[in-house]
């Protein structure tokens, strides 16, 4: 061992090591699996007494829009399919009675929980703007593991006395 490496060795012995936290795997919500067929998703939705309120084709993807899944603040769920297999689930939350600060605190809680489970998220969107009296803010964080991502998106827009806020979680098979 050289004389120069001794201070580094001593430093490594003196500094406390950070505890290793096992990260959880990002899984599809509601116990579903990537690649599940639309028919299977429709069965699960029906058993949960929720309803498919719309169906769309967006390019190569099909989308089922579902309302009525019981979860606090959950307004709707979008199931995206590529080649009839489940490829993305988007949970859209709305808390109309909450003010901006309460929603921001709730988003911060969701982010902290995702950071704890999946490791530090990466901020991928952070923008504000004011166009023609419409003030809007968009913030988005992303966690990626083994070909699966989770995105947390917080969007708000205000024009005069009207406010629209949306918080969504996007689970995607990459």
Protein backbone atom coordinates (compact mmCIF):
# COMPACT_ATOMS: atom_id res chain seq x y z
CA UNK A 1 0.00 0.00 0.00
CA UNK A 2 1.40 3.40 -0.89
CA UNK A 3 1.65 6.30 1.52
CA UNK A 4 -0.89 8.30 -0.56
CA UNK A 5 -3.63 5.70 -0.20
CA UNK A 6 -3.48 5.69 3.61
CA UNK A 7 -5.54 8.92 4.07
CA UNK A 8 -8.25 7.56 1.75
CA UNK A 9 -8.34 4.28 3.67
CA UNK A 10 -8.60 6.15 7.00
CA UNK A 11 -11.32 8.38 5.60
CA UNK A 12 -13.29 5.34 4.45
CA UNK A 13 -12.99 3.77 7.91
CA UNK A 14 -14.02 6.95 9.75
CA UNK A 15 -17.03 8.00 7.64
CA UNK A 16 -20.22 6.12 8.43
CA UNK A 17 -21.52 4.13 5.54
CA UNK A 18 -25.04 4.82 4.32
CA UNK A 19 -27.45 2.01 5.04
CA UNK A 20 -28.34 -0.03 2.01
CA UNK A 21 -32.08 0.09 1.44
CA UNK A 22 -33.62 -2.64 -0.67
CA UNK A 23 -35.71 -1.09 -3.41
CA UNK A 24 -39.10 -2.50 -4.16
CA UNK A 25 -40.03 -3.52 -7.67
CA UNK A 26 -42.37 -1.17 -9.56
CA UNK A 27 -45.43 -3.27 -10.27
CA UNK A 28 -48.65 -2.63 -12.14
CA UNK A 29 -51.48 -1.34 -9.97
CA UNK A 30 -54.39 -3.52 -8.87
CA UNK A 31 -52.30 -6.72 -9.10
CA UNK A 32 -52.45 -6.77 -12.91
CA UNK A 33 -49.64 -7.97 -15.17
CA UNK A 34 -48.03 -6.34 -18.19
CA UNK A 35 -49.33 -7.86 -21.41
CA UNK A 36 -52.73 -8.84 -20.00
CA UNK A 37 -55.49 -8.82 -22.61
CA UNK A 38 -58.30 -6.23 -22.70
CA UNK A 39 -60.84 -8.93 -21.90
CA UNK A 40 -59.08 -9.78 -18.65
CA UNK A 41 -58.91 -6.10 -17.67
CA UNK A 42 -62.62 -5.70 -18.46
CA UNK A 43 -63.36 -8.68 -16.16
CA UNK A 44 -61.35 -7.16 -13.31
CA UNK A 45 -63.03 -3.77 -13.81
CA UNK A 46 -66.48 -5.38 -13.75
CA UNK A 47 -65.73 -7.36 -10.59
CA UNK A 48 -64.62 -4.10 -8.93
CA UNK A 49 -68.04 -2.62 -9.89
CA UNK A 50 -66.30 0.08 -11.94
CA UNK A 51 -67.31 1.01 -15.47
CA UNK A 52 -65.60 1.48 -18.82
CA UNK A 53 -66.81 4.97 -19.75
CA UNK A 54 -64.88 5.39 -23.02
CA UNK A 55 -62.71 3.50 -25.49
CA UNK A 56 -60.26 5.08 -27.92
CA UNK A 57 -57.62 4.09 -30.40
CA UNK A 58 -54.62 6.41 -30.36
CA UNK A 59 -52.30 5.31 -33.14
CA UNK A 60 -51.14 1.77 -32.45
CA UNK A 61 -52.58 1.86 -28.92
CA UNK A 62 -56.05 1.19 -27.58
CA UNK A 63 -57.25 2.93 -24.42
CA UNK A 64 -59.95 1.96 -21.93
CA UNK A 65 -61.11 4.81 -19.68
CA UNK A 66 -62.53 3.51 -16.40
CA UNK A 67 -64.32 5.33 -13.60
CA UNK A 68 -65.56 4.00 -10.29
CA UNK A 69 -62.49 2.20 -8.97
CA UNK A 70 -62.67 2.88 -5.26
CA UNK A 71 -59.55 4.71 -4.11
CA UNK A 72 -59.48 8.05 -2.33
CA UNK A 73 -59.28 10.90 -4.82
CA UNK A 74 -59.08 8.61 -7.88
CA UNK A 75 -61.18 10.17 -10.63
CA UNK A 76 -60.42 7.85 -13.53
CA UNK A 77 -58.01 5.16 -14.69
CA UNK A 78 -56.74 4.78 -18.23
CA UNK A 79 -55.55 1.37 -19.40
CA UNK A 80 -53.35 1.47 -22.53
CA UNK A 81 -52.82 -1.58 -24.74
CA UNK A 82 -50.27 -2.32 -27.46
CA UNK A 83 -51.16 -5.36 -29.58
CA UNK A 84 -54.02 -6.11 -27.15
CA UNK A 85 -51.55 -6.38 -24.22
CA UNK A 86 -51.55 -4.03 -21.23
CA UNK A 87 -48.63 -1.59 -21.60
CA UNK A 88 -49.52 1.38 -19.37
CA UNK A 89 -51.86 2.29 -16.53
CA UNK A 90 -52.55 5.94 -15.74
CA UNK A 91 -54.24 6.84 -12.46
CA UNK A 92 -55.74 10.35 -12.56
CA UNK A 93 -56.50 11.96 -9.21
CA UNK A 94 -58.63 15.01 -8.54
CA UNK A 95 -59.28 16.66 -5.20
CA UNK A 96 -61.46 19.66 -6.11
CA UNK A 97 -62.07 20.75 -2.52
CA UNK A 98 -58.33 21.04 -1.78
CA UNK A 99 -56.38 24.25 -2.21
CA UNK A 100 -53.03 24.55 -4.01
CA UNK A 101 -50.90 24.16 -0.87
CA UNK A 102 -52.71 21.03 0.29
CA UNK A 103 -52.36 19.47 -3.17
CA UNK A 104 -48.63 20.35 -3.27
CA UNK A 105 -48.14 18.76 0.16
CA UNK A 106 -50.00 15.64 -1.02
CA UNK A 107 -47.80 15.43 -4.15
CA UNK A 108 -44.70 15.80 -1.95
CA UNK A 109 -45.95 12.89 0.19
CA UNK A 110 -46.49 10.70 -2.89
CA UNK A 111 -42.98 11.59 -4.15
CA UNK A 112 -41.35 10.82 -0.76
CA UNK A 113 -43.10 7.44 -0.65
CA UNK A 114 -41.98 6.59 -4.21
CA UNK A 115 -38.41 7.71 -3.37
CA UNK A 116 -38.47 5.46 -0.31
CA UNK A 117 -39.76 2.46 -2.27
CA UNK A 118 -37.95 2.84 -5.59
CA UNK A 119 -34.93 5.06 -4.91
CA UNK A 120 -34.56 8.75 -5.75
CA UNK A 121 -36.80 9.92 -8.57
CA UNK A 122 -35.57 12.14 -11.38
CA UNK A 123 -37.25 15.46 -12.10
CA UNK A 124 -38.01 15.40 -15.82
CA UNK A 125 -40.48 18.29 -16.16
CA UNK A 126 -40.47 21.61 -14.35
CA UNK A 127 -42.15 24.45 -16.17
CA UNK A 128 -44.40 27.38 -15.50
CA UNK A 129 -45.99 29.74 -17.94
CA UNK A 130 -48.51 32.49 -18.43
CA UNK A 131 -50.17 32.71 -21.83
CA UNK A 132 -53.24 34.84 -22.52
CA UNK A 133 -54.09 34.97 -18.81
CA UNK A 134 -53.75 31.19 -18.35
CA UNK A 135 -51.14 30.49 -15.68
CA UNK A 136 -49.96 26.91 -15.62
CA UNK A 137 -47.42 24.77 -13.80
CA UNK A 138 -46.17 21.29 -14.70
CA UNK A 139 -43.88 19.15 -12.56
CA UNK A 140 -43.00 15.55 -13.27
CA UNK A 141 -40.75 12.96 -11.63
CA UNK A 142 -39.74 9.55 -12.95
CA UNK A 143 -38.50 6.27 -11.47
CA UNK A 144 -37.19 3.58 -13.82
CA UNK A 145 -36.35 -0.07 -13.11
CA UNK A 146 -35.95 -3.11 -15.32
CA UNK A 147 -37.99 -1.87 -18.30
CA UNK A 148 -40.75 -0.41 -16.10
CA UNK A 149 -41.22 3.24 -15.23
CA UNK A 150 -43.40 5.19 -12.86
CA UNK A 151 -44.08 8.87 -13.52
CA UNK A 152 -45.69 11.28 -11.07
CA UNK A 153 -47.15 14.33 -12.80
CA UNK A 154 -48.64 17.42 -11.13
CA UNK A 155 -50.33 19.91 -13.44
CA UNK A 156 -52.27 22.99 -12.46
CA UNK A 157 -53.80 25.78 -14.50
CA UNK A 158 -55.58 28.93 -13.43
CA UNK A 159 -57.47 31.52 -15.43
CA UNK A 160 -59.34 34.26 -13.59
CA UNK A 161 -61.49 32.44 -10.99
CA UNK A 162 -61.20 28.98 -12.51
CA UNK A 163 -58.60 26.44 -11.38
CA UNK A 164 -57.87 22.98 -12.76
CA UNK A 165 -55.46 20.58 -11.04
CA UNK A 166 -54.49 17.06 -11.97
CA UNK A 167 -52.19 14.63 -10.23
CA UNK A 168 -51.47 11.43 -12.07
CA UNK A 169 -49.36 8.32 -11.72
CA UNK A 170 -48.30 6.56 -14.93
CA UNK A 171 -47.06 2.98 -14.71
CA UNK A 172 -45.41 2.01 -18.02
CA UNK A 173 -43.83 -1.11 -19.45
CA UNK A 174 -40.95 0.33 -21.50
